[in-house]
Amino acid sequence: MTRLIRLNVKTTGIRRLLSLPLVEADLGERALRIADAVEANGQMVEGRPGKIPLPVTVTIASDKKRARARVILDHPSGQAVEAKHGYLAAALDAGGDR
């Protein structure tokens, strides 16, 4: 027998939860772990062989709606590096629970 359960979600309450400082801190820690995992690959750019480590930028922000964190390969060749090696995609597991 299947039971039907009605769930009313209050979006203002969810927004309040998603913008809490603890959520922002947790997302920031996860983003930094992902960035560390990408940097651990040692990818060099600009020239052959590369001269500088691939710049990885982490931004952490929050507003009234939600907290967010971004990890960016901050170099013109970052998109090509990601397409060839998939460092960001592979590093997502580093952002998981500890």
C-alpha atoms as a PDB file:
ATOM      1  CA  MET A   1       0.000   0.000   0.000  1.00  0.00           C
ATOM      2  CA  THR A   2       1.365   3.416  -0.990  1.00  0.00           C
ATOM      3  CA  ARG A   3       0.944   6.400   1.266  1.00  0.00           C
ATOM      4  CA  LEU A   4       0.825   9.931   0.004  1.00  0.00           C
ATOM      5  CA  ILE A   5       2.666  12.462   2.127  1.00  0.00           C
ATOM      6  CA  ARG A   6       2.218  16.170   1.606  1.00  0.00           C
ATOM      7  CA  LEU A   7       5.241  18.359   2.226  1.00  0.00           C
ATOM      8  CA  ASN A   8       5.015  22.133   2.403  1.00  0.00           C
ATOM      9  CA  VAL A   9       8.387  23.826   1.956  1.00  0.00           C
ATOM     10  CA  LYS A  10       8.814  27.382   3.124  1.00  0.00           C
ATOM     11  CA  THR A  11      11.283  29.017   0.744  1.00  0.00           C
ATOM     12  CA  THR A  12      12.134  31.803   3.164  1.00  0.00           C
ATOM     13  CA  GLY A  13      13.217  29.253   5.747  1.00  0.00           C
ATOM     14  CA  ILE A  14      15.329  27.389   3.199  1.00  0.00           C
ATOM     15  CA  ARG A  15      16.956  30.668   2.101  1.00  0.00           C
ATOM     16  CA  ARG A  16      17.723  31.488   5.713  1.00  0.00           C
ATOM     17  CA  LEU A  17      19.387  28.100   6.162  1.00  0.00           C
ATOM     18  CA  LEU A  18      21.380  28.347   2.922  1.00  0.00           C
ATOM     19  CA  SER A  19      22.756  31.762   3.863  1.00  0.00           C
ATOM     20  CA  LEU A  20      23.943  30.843   7.375  1.00  0.00           C
ATOM     21  CA  PRO A  21      27.611  31.558   8.161  1.00  0.00           C
ATOM     22  CA  LEU A  22      28.138  27.863   8.979  1.00  0.00           C
ATOM     23  CA  VAL A  23      26.961  26.867   5.494  1.00  0.00           C
ATOM     24  CA  GLU A  24      29.285  29.457   3.951  1.00  0.00           C
ATOM     25  CA  ALA A  25      32.205  28.179   6.044  1.00  0.00           C
ATOM     26  CA  ASP A  26      31.491  24.567   5.093  1.00  0.00           C
ATOM     27  CA  LEU A  27      31.273  25.400   1.387  1.00  0.00           C
ATOM     28  CA  GLY A  28      34.495  27.393   1.675  1.00  0.00           C
ATOM     29  CA  GLU A  29      36.341  24.484   3.273  1.00  0.00           C
ATOM     30  CA  ARG A  30      35.096  22.143   0.553  1.00  0.00           C
ATOM     31  CA  ALA A  31      36.135  24.568  -2.198  1.00  0.00           C
ATOM     32  CA  LEU A  32      39.603  24.918  -0.685  1.00  0.00           C
ATOM     33  CA  ARG A  33      40.008  21.123  -0.532  1.00  0.00           C
ATOM     34  CA  ILE A  34      39.007  20.900  -4.204  1.00  0.00           C
ATOM     35  CA  ALA A  35      41.500  23.652  -5.104  1.00  0.00           C
ATOM     36  CA  ASP A  36      44.247  21.857  -3.159  1.00  0.00           C
ATOM     37  CA  ALA A  37      43.505  18.628  -5.028  1.00  0.00           C
ATOM     38  CA  VAL A  38      43.735  20.438  -8.388  1.00  0.00           C
ATOM     39  CA  GLU A  39      47.000  22.139  -7.419  1.00  0.00           C
ATOM     40  CA  ALA A  40      48.433  18.808  -6.250  1.00  0.00           C
ATOM     41  CA  ASN A  41      48.470  17.657  -9.885  1.00  0.00           C
ATOM     42  CA  GLY A  42      51.328  20.078 -10.511  1.00  0.00           C
ATOM     43  CA  GLN A  43      50.075  21.271 -13.907  1.00  0.00           C
ATOM     44  CA  MET A  44      52.317  23.983 -15.336  1.00  0.00           C
ATOM     45  CA  VAL A  45      51.224  26.520 -17.982  1.00  0.00           C
ATOM     46  CA  GLU A  46      52.744  29.178 -20.249  1.00  0.00           C
ATOM     47  CA  GLY A  47      55.308  27.584 -22.484  1.00  0.00           C
ATOM     48  CA  ARG A  48      56.781  24.140 -23.072  1.00  0.00           C
ATOM     49  CA  PRO A  49      57.597  23.041 -20.492  1.00  0.00           C
ATOM     50  CA  GLY A  50      55.292  25.243 -18.443  1.00  0.00           C
ATOM     51  CA  LYS A  51      56.801  28.034 -16.408  1.00  0.00           C
ATOM     52  CA  ILE A  52      54.132  28.727 -13.786  1.00  0.00           C
ATOM     53  CA  PRO A  53      51.727  26.524 -11.816  1.00  0.00           C
ATOM     54  CA  LEU A  54      48.140  26.577 -13.079  1.00  0.00           C
ATOM     55  CA  PRO A  55      46.436  29.368 -11.083  1.00  0.00           C
ATOM     56  CA  VAL A  56      43.409  28.113  -9.148  1.00  0.00           C
ATOM     57  CA  THR A  57      41.126  30.774  -7.656  1.00  0.00           C
ATOM     58  CA  VAL A  58      38.581  30.151  -4.901  1.00  0.00           C
ATOM     59  CA  THR A  59      35.825  32.668  -4.223  1.00  0.00           C
ATOM     60  CA  ILE A  60      33.449  32.341  -1.289  1.00  0.00           C
ATOM     61  CA  ALA A  61      30.423  34.631  -1.023  1.00  0.00           C
ATOM     62  CA  SER A  62      27.028  34.877   0.580  1.00  0.00           C
ATOM     63  CA  ASP A  63      23.954  37.027   0.110  1.00  0.00           C
ATOM     64  CA  LYS A  64      20.384  36.956   1.405  1.00  0.00           C
ATOM     65  CA  LYS A  65      19.515  33.973  -0.789  1.00  0.00           C
ATOM     66  CA  ARG A  66      22.414  31.559  -0.350  1.00  0.00           C
ATOM     67  CA  ALA A  67      26.082  30.962   0.289  1.00  0.00           C
ATOM     68  CA  ARG A  68      28.251  29.918  -2.629  1.00  0.00           C
ATOM     69  CA  ALA A  69      31.812  28.921  -3.419  1.00  0.00           C
ATOM     70  CA  ARG A  70      33.541  28.721  -6.799  1.00  0.00           C
ATOM     71  CA  VAL A  71      36.776  27.044  -7.840  1.00  0.00           C
ATOM     72  CA  ILE A  72      38.154  28.442 -11.094  1.00  0.00           C
ATOM     73  CA  LEU A  73      41.147  27.534 -13.235  1.00  0.00           C
ATOM     74  CA  ASP A  74      42.166  31.167 -13.558  1.00  0.00           C
ATOM     75  CA  HIS A  75      44.249  31.132 -16.728  1.00  0.00           C
ATOM     76  CA  PRO A  76      43.435  31.462 -20.445  1.00  0.00           C
ATOM     77  CA  SER A  77      44.454  27.840 -20.972  1.00  0.00           C
ATOM     78  CA  GLY A  78      42.385  26.653 -17.987  1.00  0.00           C
ATOM     79  CA  GLN A  79      39.523  25.455 -20.184  1.00  0.00           C
ATOM     80  CA  ALA A  80      41.904  23.444 -22.392  1.00  0.00           C
ATOM     81  CA  VAL A  81      43.612  21.968 -19.330  1.00  0.00           C
ATOM     82  CA  GLU A  82      40.236  20.923 -17.895  1.00  0.00           C
ATOM     83  CA  ALA A  83      39.120  19.451 -21.237  1.00  0.00           C
ATOM     84  CA  LYS A  84      42.335  17.430 -21.573  1.00  0.00           C
ATOM     85  CA  HIS A  85      42.969  16.368 -17.970  1.00  0.00           C
ATOM     86  CA  GLY A  86      39.665  16.890 -16.110  1.00  0.00           C
ATOM     87  CA  TYR A  87      41.358  18.073 -12.908  1.00  0.00           C
ATOM     88  CA  LEU A  88      38.314  19.898 -11.530  1.00  0.00           C
ATOM     89  CA  ALA A  89      35.970  17.011 -12.260  1.00  0.00           C
ATOM     90  CA  ALA A  90      38.382  14.543 -10.669  1.00  0.00           C
ATOM     91  CA  ALA A  91      38.878  16.779  -7.617  1.00  0.00           C
ATOM     92  CA  LEU A  92      35.179  16.987  -6.725  1.00  0.00           C
ATOM     93  CA  ASP A  93      35.514  13.969  -4.444  1.00  0.00           C
ATOM     94  CA  ALA A  94      38.047  15.941  -2.369  1.00  0.00           C
ATOM     95  CA  GLY A  95      35.222  18.329  -1.461  1.00  0.00           C
ATOM     96  CA  GLY A  96      33.128  15.550   0.052  1.00  0.00           C
ATOM     97  CA  ASP A  97      32.499  14.900   3.716  1.00  0.00           C
ATOM     98  CA  ARG A  98      35.457  14.305   5.985  1.00  0.00           C
END
